[in-house]
């Protein structure tokens, strides 16, 4: 089969090699998926640069790709809930990525059924972002009736976070460009803040939960609007010791992340809140929950550019360097 492999880490030149490789071996709990589309994400480039080697030290060469859509071709002997011909999607398990290939063997617990109303390209935009939101809300222990704020909720993360948070009974607030207000209000948003005319730190307070998509100086600004005991989960900042422990990293890595992420723990303590970092993991049950919710609401993710599999490096460059109004996706035509 054809696949796109990472053969060496390189901080400056992100490039995968298009190769012919054997079909993946199918374990008893695996599903063989014929890939029809795959999402291209910043994490793909981070892996290629070697930026997450401390978290997951891949043995190279490694078939790349984290987000997959396809058709079930074969199931292992211990697989339940899936059959040949099912259309499925997944955030692939961290220790066994490989979405950028014609076929992938995936543990069935990572899989969910694609909602009928979504095309394969649209479905490829869902798993990573939706699971990020679900896992962040779980980490927050978000309870019905609480107030939820996220920065810059007019993009792809917001399009997932707003309806999911609303479905969990939260009051949802975000800020962004006023041009996007009508579109995201339609997702159920309770309050929109125009970032050009209103400073959220001056008008918001007593917020229970914050999803920090920006990091940097914004992290402390967001802590300042939270109530005592509030929970902030960061998507783009610095992992801390609590994350390293939860992620099952060895003691020396827990100590290391405790040092580099300690600044944010101390900052959180100053404001009487908690700071956590999330790195999204595969979870088919959570993804199925999202799929069922989306089937009810008929939410469609935004797609920016669709590339053929042969253009995988152009797609990665687009994600790394291009301006985007939605998801970048690769598709696999009949060969």
C-alpha atoms as a PDB file:
ATOM      1  CA  UNK A   1       0.000   0.000   0.000  1.00  0.00           C
ATOM      2  CA  UNK A   2       1.020   3.626  -0.411  1.00  0.00           C
ATOM      3  CA  UNK A   3       1.839   5.581   2.723  1.00  0.00           C
ATOM      4  CA  UNK A   4       3.489   8.822   3.841  1.00  0.00           C
ATOM      5  CA  UNK A   5       6.328   8.136   6.265  1.00  0.00           C
ATOM      6  CA  UNK A   6       8.278  10.332   8.599  1.00  0.00           C
ATOM      7  CA  UNK A   7      11.872   9.172   8.163  1.00  0.00           C
ATOM      8  CA  UNK A   8      13.729  11.824  10.169  1.00  0.00           C
ATOM      9  CA  UNK A   9      12.941  14.656  12.548  1.00  0.00           C
ATOM     10  CA  UNK A  10      13.692  18.094  11.113  1.00  0.00           C
ATOM     11  CA  UNK A  11      12.846  21.412  12.758  1.00  0.00           C
ATOM     12  CA  UNK A  12      13.018  23.372   9.502  1.00  0.00           C
ATOM     13  CA  UNK A  13      12.020  21.123   6.619  1.00  0.00           C
ATOM     14  CA  UNK A  14       8.803  19.211   7.287  1.00  0.00           C
ATOM     15  CA  UNK A  15       8.645  16.533   4.622  1.00  0.00           C
ATOM     16  CA  UNK A  16       7.168  13.051   4.490  1.00  0.00           C
ATOM     17  CA  UNK A  17       8.337  10.344   2.116  1.00  0.00           C
ATOM     18  CA  UNK A  18       5.747   8.672  -0.130  1.00  0.00           C
ATOM     19  CA  UNK A  19       6.550   4.965  -0.051  1.00  0.00           C
ATOM     20  CA  UNK A  20       5.117   1.515  -0.713  1.00  0.00           C
ATOM     21  CA  UNK A  21       4.797  -0.470   2.506  1.00  0.00           C
ATOM     22  CA  UNK A  22       3.231  -3.786   3.536  1.00  0.00           C
ATOM     23  CA  UNK A  23      -0.383  -3.820   4.669  1.00  0.00           C
ATOM     24  CA  UNK A  24      -0.715  -3.311   8.434  1.00  0.00           C
ATOM     25  CA  UNK A  25      -0.997  -6.389  10.617  1.00  0.00           C
ATOM     26  CA  UNK A  26      -4.431  -6.884  12.159  1.00  0.00           C
ATOM     27  CA  UNK A  27      -4.591  -7.720  15.866  1.00  0.00           C
ATOM     28  CA  UNK A  28      -7.528  -9.377  17.579  1.00  0.00           C
ATOM     29  CA  UNK A  29      -8.946  -6.006  18.699  1.00  0.00           C
ATOM     30  CA  UNK A  30      -8.121  -4.157  15.479  1.00  0.00           C
ATOM     31  CA  UNK A  31     -10.255  -3.005  12.580  1.00  0.00           C
ATOM     32  CA  UNK A  32      -8.728  -2.737   9.105  1.00  0.00           C
ATOM     33  CA  UNK A  33      -9.904   0.546   7.587  1.00  0.00           C
ATOM     34  CA  UNK A  34      -9.591   1.546   3.966  1.00  0.00           C
ATOM     35  CA  UNK A  35      -8.792   5.228   4.338  1.00  0.00           C
ATOM     36  CA  UNK A  36     -10.890   7.676   2.319  1.00  0.00           C
ATOM     37  CA  UNK A  37      -9.866  10.962   3.989  1.00  0.00           C
ATOM     38  CA  UNK A  38      -7.533  12.195   6.692  1.00  0.00           C
ATOM     39  CA  UNK A  39      -7.365  15.458   8.584  1.00  0.00           C
ATOM     40  CA  UNK A  40      -4.091  17.387   8.527  1.00  0.00           C
ATOM     41  CA  UNK A  41      -3.286  19.060  11.834  1.00  0.00           C
ATOM     42  CA  UNK A  42      -0.647  21.172  13.557  1.00  0.00           C
ATOM     43  CA  UNK A  43       0.262  18.114  15.649  1.00  0.00           C
ATOM     44  CA  UNK A  44       1.408  16.350  12.465  1.00  0.00           C
ATOM     45  CA  UNK A  45       3.991  19.063  11.921  1.00  0.00           C
ATOM     46  CA  UNK A  46       4.921  19.094  15.612  1.00  0.00           C
ATOM     47  CA  UNK A  47       5.697  15.384  15.389  1.00  0.00           C
ATOM     48  CA  UNK A  48       7.815  15.926  12.265  1.00  0.00           C
ATOM     49  CA  UNK A  49       9.799  18.665  13.997  1.00  0.00           C
ATOM     50  CA  UNK A  50      10.456  16.402  16.970  1.00  0.00           C
ATOM     51  CA  UNK A  51       8.563  18.753  19.286  1.00  0.00           C
ATOM     52  CA  UNK A  52       6.688  16.018  21.115  1.00  0.00           C
ATOM     53  CA  UNK A  53       9.445  13.420  21.387  1.00  0.00           C
ATOM     54  CA  UNK A  54       9.350  13.810  25.164  1.00  0.00           C
ATOM     55  CA  UNK A  55       5.705  12.715  25.148  1.00  0.00           C
ATOM     56  CA  UNK A  56       5.758  10.052  22.432  1.00  0.00           C
ATOM     57  CA  UNK A  57       9.176   8.912  21.166  1.00  0.00           C
ATOM     58  CA  UNK A  58       8.231   7.389  17.807  1.00  0.00           C
ATOM     59  CA  UNK A  59      10.599   4.863  16.271  1.00  0.00           C
ATOM     60  CA  UNK A  60      11.330   6.036  12.726  1.00  0.00           C
ATOM     61  CA  UNK A  61      10.333   5.432  10.014  1.00  0.00           C
ATOM     62  CA  UNK A  62       6.742   6.038  11.128  1.00  0.00           C
ATOM     63  CA  UNK A  63       3.638   6.341   8.973  1.00  0.00           C
ATOM     64  CA  UNK A  64       2.269   9.777   9.848  1.00  0.00           C
ATOM     65  CA  UNK A  65      -1.259  11.074  10.346  1.00  0.00           C
ATOM     66  CA  UNK A  66      -3.504  11.297  13.400  1.00  0.00           C
ATOM     67  CA  UNK A  67      -7.072  11.757  12.141  1.00  0.00           C
ATOM     68  CA  UNK A  68      -8.757   9.239   9.858  1.00  0.00           C
ATOM     69  CA  UNK A  69     -12.005   8.449   8.022  1.00  0.00           C
ATOM     70  CA  UNK A  70     -12.670   5.287   6.072  1.00  0.00           C
ATOM     71  CA  UNK A  71     -14.566   2.071   5.429  1.00  0.00           C
ATOM     72  CA  UNK A  72     -14.182  -1.095   7.505  1.00  0.00           C
ATOM     73  CA  UNK A  73     -12.645  -3.872   5.385  1.00  0.00           C
ATOM     74  CA  UNK A  74     -11.940  -6.475   8.056  1.00  0.00           C
ATOM     75  CA  UNK A  75     -12.413  -6.905  11.819  1.00  0.00           C
ATOM     76  CA  UNK A  76     -10.332  -8.754  14.387  1.00  0.00           C
ATOM     77  CA  UNK A  77     -11.693 -11.699  16.330  1.00  0.00           C
ATOM     78  CA  UNK A  78     -12.355  -9.683  19.513  1.00  0.00           C
ATOM     79  CA  UNK A  79     -13.922  -6.624  17.859  1.00  0.00           C
ATOM     80  CA  UNK A  80     -17.474  -5.668  18.803  1.00  0.00           C
ATOM     81  CA  UNK A  81     -19.730  -2.912  17.472  1.00  0.00           C
ATOM     82  CA  UNK A  82     -18.227  -2.711  13.972  1.00  0.00           C
ATOM     83  CA  UNK A  83     -18.660  -4.735  10.799  1.00  0.00           C
ATOM     84  CA  UNK A  84     -17.348  -4.784   7.242  1.00  0.00           C
ATOM     85  CA  UNK A  85     -18.744  -1.860   5.259  1.00  0.00           C
ATOM     86  CA  UNK A  86     -19.209   0.516   8.212  1.00  0.00           C
ATOM     87  CA  UNK A  87     -18.044   4.099   7.710  1.00  0.00           C
ATOM     88  CA  UNK A  88     -15.879   5.049  10.670  1.00  0.00           C
ATOM     89  CA  UNK A  89     -13.602   7.793  11.953  1.00  0.00           C
ATOM     90  CA  UNK A  90     -11.055   8.189  14.717  1.00  0.00           C
ATOM     91  CA  UNK A  91      -8.337  10.119  16.401  1.00  0.00           C
ATOM     92  CA  UNK A  92      -5.764   7.361  16.045  1.00  0.00           C
ATOM     93  CA  UNK A  93      -4.103   6.022  19.219  1.00  0.00           C
ATOM     94  CA  UNK A  94      -1.020   8.070  20.077  1.00  0.00           C
ATOM     95  CA  UNK A  95       1.296   5.081  20.081  1.00  0.00           C
ATOM     96  CA  UNK A  96      -0.006   3.818  16.737  1.00  0.00           C
ATOM     97  CA  UNK A  97      -0.697   6.705  14.393  1.00  0.00           C
ATOM     98  CA  UNK A  98      -0.757   6.197  10.618  1.00  0.00           C
ATOM     99  CA  UNK A  99      -3.715   7.960   8.979  1.00  0.00           C
ATOM    100  CA  UNK A 100      -1.667   9.028   5.930  1.00  0.00           C
ATOM    101  CA  UNK A 101      -1.884   5.653   4.221  1.00  0.00           C
ATOM    102  CA  UNK A 102      -4.285   3.717   2.022  1.00  0.00           C
ATOM    103  CA  UNK A 103      -5.069   1.350   4.915  1.00  0.00           C
ATOM    104  CA  UNK A 104      -4.842   1.582   8.691  1.00  0.00           C
ATOM    105  CA  UNK A 105      -5.246  -0.995  11.450  1.00  0.00           C
ATOM    106  CA  UNK A 106      -6.958   0.710  14.393  1.00  0.00           C
ATOM    107  CA  UNK A 107      -8.006  -0.572  17.805  1.00  0.00           C
ATOM    108  CA  UNK A 108     -11.781  -0.658  17.757  1.00  0.00           C
ATOM    109  CA  UNK A 109     -12.006   1.307  21.014  1.00  0.00           C
ATOM    110  CA  UNK A 110     -10.704   4.369  19.137  1.00  0.00           C
ATOM    111  CA  UNK A 111     -13.409   4.212  16.467  1.00  0.00           C
ATOM    112  CA  UNK A 112     -16.872   5.712  16.105  1.00  0.00           C
ATOM    113  CA  UNK A 113     -19.496   5.606  13.361  1.00  0.00           C
ATOM    114  CA  UNK A 114     -19.541   8.624  11.034  1.00  0.00           C
ATOM    115  CA  UNK A 115     -22.877  10.507  11.031  1.00  0.00           C
ATOM    116  CA  UNK A 116     -24.695   9.851   7.750  1.00  0.00           C
ATOM    117  CA  UNK A 117     -25.096  13.539   6.902  1.00  0.00           C
ATOM    118  CA  UNK A 118     -21.328  14.212   6.864  1.00  0.00           C
ATOM    119  CA  UNK A 119     -19.181  13.634   3.803  1.00  0.00           C
ATOM    120  CA  UNK A 120     -15.850  11.889   4.307  1.00  0.00           C
ATOM    121  CA  UNK A 121     -14.038  15.215   3.951  1.00  0.00           C
ATOM    122  CA  UNK A 122     -16.284  16.874   6.549  1.00  0.00           C
ATOM    123  CA  UNK A 123     -15.919  13.904   8.893  1.00  0.00           C
ATOM    124  CA  UNK A 124     -12.125  14.200   8.719  1.00  0.00           C
ATOM    125  CA  UNK A 125     -12.410  17.588  10.433  1.00  0.00           C
ATOM    126  CA  UNK A 126     -14.171  16.246  13.522  1.00  0.00           C
ATOM    127  CA  UNK A 127     -12.262  13.707  15.682  1.00  0.00           C
ATOM    128  CA  UNK A 128      -9.206  15.593  16.936  1.00  0.00           C
ATOM    129  CA  UNK A 129     -10.942  18.866  17.689  1.00  0.00           C
ATOM    130  CA  UNK A 130     -14.103  17.351  19.105  1.00  0.00           C
ATOM    131  CA  UNK A 131     -12.190  14.990  21.378  1.00  0.00           C
ATOM    132  CA  UNK A 132      -9.990  17.861  22.536  1.00  0.00           C
ATOM    133  CA  UNK A 133     -13.108  19.682  23.691  1.00  0.00           C
ATOM    134  CA  UNK A 134     -14.657  16.602  25.295  1.00  0.00           C
ATOM    135  CA  UNK A 135     -11.482  15.750  27.188  1.00  0.00           C
ATOM    136  CA  UNK A 136     -10.991  19.337  28.304  1.00  0.00           C
ATOM    137  CA  UNK A 137     -14.526  19.475  29.685  1.00  0.00           C
ATOM    138  CA  UNK A 138     -13.994  16.164  31.462  1.00  0.00           C
ATOM    139  CA  UNK A 139     -10.750  17.449  32.952  1.00  0.00           C
ATOM    140  CA  UNK A 140     -12.588  20.539  34.172  1.00  0.00           C
ATOM    141  CA  UNK A 141     -15.289  18.389  35.717  1.00  0.00           C
ATOM    142  CA  UNK A 142     -17.688  20.793  34.009  1.00  0.00           C
ATOM    143  CA  UNK A 143     -21.113  20.726  35.656  1.00  0.00           C
ATOM    144  CA  UNK A 144     -24.466  21.814  34.283  1.00  0.00           C
ATOM    145  CA  UNK A 145     -25.230  25.444  35.069  1.00  0.00           C
ATOM    146  CA  UNK A 146     -21.601  26.587  35.045  1.00  0.00           C
ATOM    147  CA  UNK A 147     -20.154  29.400  32.928  1.00  0.00           C
ATOM    148  CA  UNK A 148     -17.714  28.478  30.163  1.00  0.00           C
ATOM    149  CA  UNK A 149     -15.432  30.948  28.352  1.00  0.00           C
ATOM    150  CA  UNK A 150     -13.049  30.311  25.495  1.00  0.00           C
ATOM    151  CA  UNK A 151     -10.820  32.752  23.687  1.00  0.00           C
ATOM    152  CA  UNK A 152     -11.210  33.181  19.939  1.00  0.00           C
ATOM    153  CA  UNK A 153     -14.161  30.847  19.571  1.00  0.00           C
ATOM    154  CA  UNK A 154     -14.876  31.759  15.953  1.00  0.00           C
ATOM    155  CA  UNK A 155     -12.574  29.103  14.465  1.00  0.00           C
ATOM    156  CA  UNK A 156     -12.640  25.343  14.171  1.00  0.00           C
ATOM    157  CA  UNK A 157     -12.245  24.672  17.904  1.00  0.00           C
ATOM    158  CA  UNK A 158     -15.105  27.022  18.728  1.00  0.00           C
ATOM    159  CA  UNK A 159     -17.370  25.396  16.163  1.00  0.00           C
ATOM    160  CA  UNK A 160     -16.964  22.160  18.145  1.00  0.00           C
ATOM    161  CA  UNK A 161     -16.710  23.596  21.662  1.00  0.00           C
ATOM    162  CA  UNK A 162     -19.804  25.792  21.604  1.00  0.00           C
ATOM    163  CA  UNK A 163     -22.419  23.109  20.786  1.00  0.00           C
ATOM    164  CA  UNK A 164     -20.713  20.484  22.965  1.00  0.00           C
ATOM    165  CA  UNK A 165     -20.549  22.833  25.963  1.00  0.00           C
ATOM    166  CA  UNK A 166     -24.161  23.872  25.399  1.00  0.00           C
ATOM    167  CA  UNK A 167     -25.234  20.231  25.251  1.00  0.00           C
ATOM    168  CA  UNK A 168     -23.601  19.761  28.668  1.00  0.00           C
ATOM    169  CA  UNK A 169     -25.749  22.558  30.100  1.00  0.00           C
ATOM    170  CA  UNK A 170     -23.137  25.319  30.291  1.00  0.00           C
ATOM    171  CA  UNK A 171     -23.538  29.042  29.662  1.00  0.00           C
ATOM    172  CA  UNK A 172     -21.082  29.675  26.824  1.00  0.00           C
ATOM    173  CA  UNK A 173     -19.200  32.908  26.109  1.00  0.00           C
ATOM    174  CA  UNK A 174     -16.487  33.686  23.570  1.00  0.00           C
ATOM    175  CA  UNK A 175     -14.777  36.633  21.912  1.00  0.00           C
ATOM    176  CA  UNK A 176     -13.711  37.276  18.338  1.00  0.00           C
ATOM    177  CA  UNK A 177     -14.250  39.326  15.206  1.00  0.00           C
ATOM    178  CA  UNK A 178     -17.782  40.757  14.977  1.00  0.00           C
ATOM    179  CA  UNK A 179     -18.039  39.504  11.373  1.00  0.00           C
ATOM    180  CA  UNK A 180     -18.389  35.979  12.754  1.00  0.00           C
ATOM    181  CA  UNK A 181     -20.999  36.737  15.402  1.00  0.00           C
ATOM    182  CA  UNK A 182     -24.127  35.556  13.570  1.00  0.00           C
ATOM    183  CA  UNK A 183     -22.519  32.294  12.500  1.00  0.00           C
ATOM    184  CA  UNK A 184     -21.419  31.234  15.959  1.00  0.00           C
ATOM    185  CA  UNK A 185     -24.496  32.569  17.759  1.00  0.00           C
ATOM    186  CA  UNK A 186     -26.397  30.065  15.619  1.00  0.00           C
ATOM    187  CA  UNK A 187     -24.433  27.294  17.369  1.00  0.00           C
ATOM    188  CA  UNK A 188     -26.095  28.225  20.667  1.00  0.00           C
ATOM    189  CA  UNK A 189     -23.591  30.749  22.038  1.00  0.00           C
ATOM    190  CA  UNK A 190     -24.984  32.753  24.977  1.00  0.00           C
ATOM    191  CA  UNK A 191     -22.772  35.816  24.691  1.00  0.00           C
ATOM    192  CA  UNK A 192     -20.390  37.178  22.068  1.00  0.00           C
ATOM    193  CA  UNK A 193     -17.699  39.750  22.857  1.00  0.00           C
ATOM    194  CA  UNK A 194     -16.256  41.868  20.038  1.00  0.00           C
ATOM    195  CA  UNK A 195     -12.542  41.806  20.805  1.00  0.00           C
ATOM    196  CA  UNK A 196     -11.997  45.132  19.001  1.00  0.00           C
ATOM    197  CA  UNK A 197     -14.415  47.123  21.163  1.00  0.00           C
ATOM    198  CA  UNK A 198     -14.628  45.225  24.457  1.00  0.00           C
ATOM    199  CA  UNK A 199     -11.963  43.931  26.837  1.00  0.00           C
ATOM    200  CA  UNK A 200     -13.287  40.707  28.331  1.00  0.00           C
ATOM    201  CA  UNK A 201     -11.152  41.173  31.444  1.00  0.00           C
ATOM    202  CA  UNK A 202     -13.180  44.303  32.231  1.00  0.00           C
ATOM    203  CA  UNK A 203     -16.640  42.857  31.645  1.00  0.00           C
ATOM    204  CA  UNK A 204     -16.414  39.200  32.714  1.00  0.00           C
ATOM    205  CA  UNK A 205     -16.005  37.771  36.199  1.00  0.00           C
ATOM    206  CA  UNK A 206     -16.878  34.686  38.218  1.00  0.00           C
ATOM    207  CA  UNK A 207     -16.330  32.348  35.266  1.00  0.00           C
ATOM    208  CA  UNK A 208     -16.259  28.672  36.240  1.00  0.00           C
ATOM    209  CA  UNK A 209     -14.422  27.116  33.295  1.00  0.00           C
ATOM    210  CA  UNK A 210     -11.981  28.459  30.722  1.00  0.00           C
ATOM    211  CA  UNK A 211     -10.685  26.759  27.591  1.00  0.00           C
ATOM    212  CA  UNK A 212      -7.450  28.587  26.810  1.00  0.00           C
ATOM    213  CA  UNK A 213      -6.686  28.259  23.099  1.00  0.00           C
ATOM    214  CA  UNK A 214      -4.012  30.972  22.938  1.00  0.00           C
ATOM    215  CA  UNK A 215      -1.619  30.599  25.863  1.00  0.00           C
ATOM    216  CA  UNK A 216       1.053  33.216  26.467  1.00  0.00           C
ATOM    217  CA  UNK A 217      -0.079  36.403  28.188  1.00  0.00           C
ATOM    218  CA  UNK A 218      -3.724  35.446  27.625  1.00  0.00           C
ATOM    219  CA  UNK A 219      -3.492  32.676  30.219  1.00  0.00           C
ATOM    220  CA  UNK A 220      -3.128  35.028  33.173  1.00  0.00           C
ATOM    221  CA  UNK A 221      -5.733  37.407  31.742  1.00  0.00           C
ATOM    222  CA  UNK A 222      -8.197  34.542  31.651  1.00  0.00           C
ATOM    223  CA  UNK A 223      -7.365  33.453  35.182  1.00  0.00           C
ATOM    224  CA  UNK A 224      -8.254  36.973  36.330  1.00  0.00           C
ATOM    225  CA  UNK A 225     -11.902  36.571  35.245  1.00  0.00           C
ATOM    226  CA  UNK A 226     -12.430  33.247  37.022  1.00  0.00           C
ATOM    227  CA  UNK A 227     -14.087  32.524  40.329  1.00  0.00           C
ATOM    228  CA  UNK A 228     -12.139  30.887  43.137  1.00  0.00           C
ATOM    229  CA  UNK A 229     -11.910  27.183  42.468  1.00  0.00           C
ATOM    230  CA  UNK A 230     -12.361  27.688  38.716  1.00  0.00           C
ATOM    231  CA  UNK A 231     -10.753  25.339  36.211  1.00  0.00           C
ATOM    232  CA  UNK A 232      -8.625  26.418  33.239  1.00  0.00           C
ATOM    233  CA  UNK A 233      -7.501  23.948  30.595  1.00  0.00           C
ATOM    234  CA  UNK A 234      -4.843  25.037  28.129  1.00  0.00           C
ATOM    235  CA  UNK A 235      -4.494  23.700  24.586  1.00  0.00           C
ATOM    236  CA  UNK A 236      -1.403  25.519  23.389  1.00  0.00           C
ATOM    237  CA  UNK A 237       0.745  26.431  26.363  1.00  0.00           C
ATOM    238  CA  UNK A 238       2.997  24.403  28.604  1.00  0.00           C
ATOM    239  CA  UNK A 239       2.385  20.945  30.058  1.00  0.00           C
ATOM    240  CA  UNK A 240       2.798  20.729  33.846  1.00  0.00           C
ATOM    241  CA  UNK A 241       3.526  17.974  36.357  1.00  0.00           C
ATOM    242  CA  UNK A 242      -0.154  17.078  36.743  1.00  0.00           C
ATOM    243  CA  UNK A 243      -0.370  16.478  32.994  1.00  0.00           C
ATOM    244  CA  UNK A 244       2.807  14.376  32.967  1.00  0.00           C
ATOM    245  CA  UNK A 245       1.493  12.220  35.800  1.00  0.00           C
ATOM    246  CA  UNK A 246      -1.934  11.819  34.176  1.00  0.00           C
ATOM    247  CA  UNK A 247      -0.260  10.984  30.856  1.00  0.00           C
ATOM    248  CA  UNK A 248       1.709   8.193  32.548  1.00  0.00           C
ATOM    249  CA  UNK A 249       5.140   9.638  31.857  1.00  0.00           C
ATOM    250  CA  UNK A 250       8.145   8.368  33.854  1.00  0.00           C
ATOM    251  CA  UNK A 251       9.189  10.156  37.033  1.00  0.00           C
ATOM    252  CA  UNK A 252      12.045  12.091  35.442  1.00  0.00           C
ATOM    253  CA  UNK A 253       9.689  13.549  32.857  1.00  0.00           C
ATOM    254  CA  UNK A 254       7.178  14.421  35.577  1.00  0.00           C
ATOM    255  CA  UNK A 255       9.925  16.330  37.361  1.00  0.00           C
ATOM    256  CA  UNK A 256      10.960  18.057  34.124  1.00  0.00           C
ATOM    257  CA  UNK A 257       7.425  19.174  33.266  1.00  0.00           C
ATOM    258  CA  UNK A 258       6.946  20.187  36.874  1.00  0.00           C
ATOM    259  CA  UNK A 259       9.841  22.613  36.410  1.00  0.00           C
ATOM    260  CA  UNK A 260       8.868  24.016  33.009  1.00  0.00           C
ATOM    261  CA  UNK A 261       5.160  24.191  33.777  1.00  0.00           C
ATOM    262  CA  UNK A 262       5.563  25.337  37.362  1.00  0.00           C
ATOM    263  CA  UNK A 263       5.128  28.987  36.355  1.00  0.00           C
ATOM    264  CA  UNK A 264       1.522  28.331  35.391  1.00  0.00           C
ATOM    265  CA  UNK A 265       0.783  26.304  38.518  1.00  0.00           C
ATOM    266  CA  UNK A 266       2.074  29.181  40.647  1.00  0.00           C
ATOM    267  CA  UNK A 267       0.046  31.653  38.601  1.00  0.00           C
ATOM    268  CA  UNK A 268      -3.079  29.550  39.071  1.00  0.00           C
ATOM    269  CA  UNK A 269      -2.471  29.359  42.823  1.00  0.00           C
ATOM    270  CA  UNK A 270      -2.261  33.158  42.960  1.00  0.00           C
ATOM    271  CA  UNK A 271      -5.758  33.401  41.463  1.00  0.00           C
ATOM    272  CA  UNK A 272      -7.185  30.472  43.398  1.00  0.00           C
ATOM    273  CA  UNK A 273      -7.847  28.384  40.281  1.00  0.00           C
ATOM    274  CA  UNK A 274      -6.390  25.249  38.712  1.00  0.00           C
ATOM    275  CA  UNK A 275      -4.298  24.972  35.554  1.00  0.00           C
ATOM    276  CA  UNK A 276      -4.251  21.875  33.356  1.00  0.00           C
ATOM    277  CA  UNK A 277      -2.937  21.014  29.920  1.00  0.00           C
ATOM    278  CA  UNK A 278      -4.575  18.573  27.516  1.00  0.00           C
ATOM    279  CA  UNK A 279      -3.040  16.543  24.702  1.00  0.00           C
ATOM    280  CA  UNK A 280      -5.889  14.779  22.987  1.00  0.00           C
ATOM    281  CA  UNK A 281      -6.012  10.985  23.131  1.00  0.00           C
ATOM    282  CA  UNK A 282      -8.093   8.462  21.213  1.00  0.00           C
ATOM    283  CA  UNK A 283     -11.497   7.606  22.704  1.00  0.00           C
ATOM    284  CA  UNK A 284     -14.158   5.994  20.546  1.00  0.00           C
ATOM    285  CA  UNK A 285     -16.906   6.266  23.170  1.00  0.00           C
ATOM    286  CA  UNK A 286     -16.407  10.026  23.503  1.00  0.00           C
ATOM    287  CA  UNK A 287     -16.249  10.418  19.733  1.00  0.00           C
ATOM    288  CA  UNK A 288     -19.499   8.486  19.343  1.00  0.00           C
ATOM    289  CA  UNK A 289     -21.116  10.835  21.859  1.00  0.00           C
ATOM    290  CA  UNK A 290     -20.012  13.751  19.684  1.00  0.00           C
ATOM    291  CA  UNK A 291     -21.220  11.998  16.515  1.00  0.00           C
ATOM    292  CA  UNK A 292     -24.671  11.429  18.042  1.00  0.00           C
ATOM    293  CA  UNK A 293     -24.887  15.065  19.158  1.00  0.00           C
ATOM    294  CA  UNK A 294     -23.810  16.316  15.747  1.00  0.00           C
ATOM    295  CA  UNK A 295     -26.379  14.056  14.068  1.00  0.00           C
ATOM    296  CA  UNK A 296     -29.089  15.795  16.101  1.00  0.00           C
ATOM    297  CA  UNK A 297     -27.826  19.318  15.424  1.00  0.00           C
ATOM    298  CA  UNK A 298     -26.561  18.736  11.857  1.00  0.00           C
ATOM    299  CA  UNK A 299     -23.358  20.676  12.557  1.00  0.00           C
ATOM    300  CA  UNK A 300     -20.984  20.912   9.607  1.00  0.00           C
ATOM    301  CA  UNK A 301     -17.313  21.718  10.170  1.00  0.00           C
ATOM    302  CA  UNK A 302     -15.589  24.322   8.029  1.00  0.00           C
ATOM    303  CA  UNK A 303     -13.255  22.977   5.337  1.00  0.00           C
ATOM    304  CA  UNK A 304     -10.480  25.131   3.907  1.00  0.00           C
ATOM    305  CA  UNK A 305      -8.529  23.098   1.348  1.00  0.00           C
ATOM    306  CA  UNK A 306      -8.731  19.502   0.110  1.00  0.00           C
ATOM    307  CA  UNK A 307      -5.586  17.890  -1.290  1.00  0.00           C
ATOM    308  CA  UNK A 308      -4.955  14.559  -2.969  1.00  0.00           C
ATOM    309  CA  UNK A 309      -2.820  12.150  -0.957  1.00  0.00           C
ATOM    310  CA  UNK A 310       0.057  12.708  -3.409  1.00  0.00           C
ATOM    311  CA  UNK A 311       0.082  16.355  -2.232  1.00  0.00           C
ATOM    312  CA  UNK A 312       0.565  15.517   1.443  1.00  0.00           C
ATOM    313  CA  UNK A 313       3.603  17.751   1.822  1.00  0.00           C
ATOM    314  CA  UNK A 314       1.749  20.710   0.304  1.00  0.00           C
ATOM    315  CA  UNK A 315      -1.047  20.064   2.801  1.00  0.00           C
ATOM    316  CA  UNK A 316       1.393  20.005   5.712  1.00  0.00           C
ATOM    317  CA  UNK A 317       2.954  23.254   4.494  1.00  0.00           C
ATOM    318  CA  UNK A 318      -0.501  24.830   4.272  1.00  0.00           C
ATOM    319  CA  UNK A 319      -1.188  23.931   7.893  1.00  0.00           C
ATOM    320  CA  UNK A 320       2.244  25.147   9.013  1.00  0.00           C
ATOM    321  CA  UNK A 321       2.396  28.401   7.070  1.00  0.00           C
ATOM    322  CA  UNK A 322      -0.908  29.267   5.429  1.00  0.00           C
ATOM    323  CA  UNK A 323      -3.854  31.294   6.634  1.00  0.00           C
ATOM    324  CA  UNK A 324      -6.827  29.034   7.178  1.00  0.00           C
ATOM    325  CA  UNK A 325     -10.591  29.412   7.431  1.00  0.00           C
ATOM    326  CA  UNK A 326     -11.160  25.765   8.230  1.00  0.00           C
ATOM    327  CA  UNK A 327      -9.726  22.281   8.093  1.00  0.00           C
ATOM    328  CA  UNK A 328      -7.115  21.001   5.657  1.00  0.00           C
ATOM    329  CA  UNK A 329      -7.933  17.458   4.478  1.00  0.00           C
ATOM    330  CA  UNK A 330      -6.320  14.884   2.199  1.00  0.00           C
ATOM    331  CA  UNK A 331      -8.346  12.368   0.220  1.00  0.00           C
ATOM    332  CA  UNK A 332      -7.540   8.983  -1.265  1.00  0.00           C
ATOM    333  CA  UNK A 333      -8.897   8.325  -4.753  1.00  0.00           C
ATOM    334  CA  UNK A 334      -9.050   4.934  -6.381  1.00  0.00           C
ATOM    335  CA  UNK A 335      -5.581   3.908  -7.547  1.00  0.00           C
END
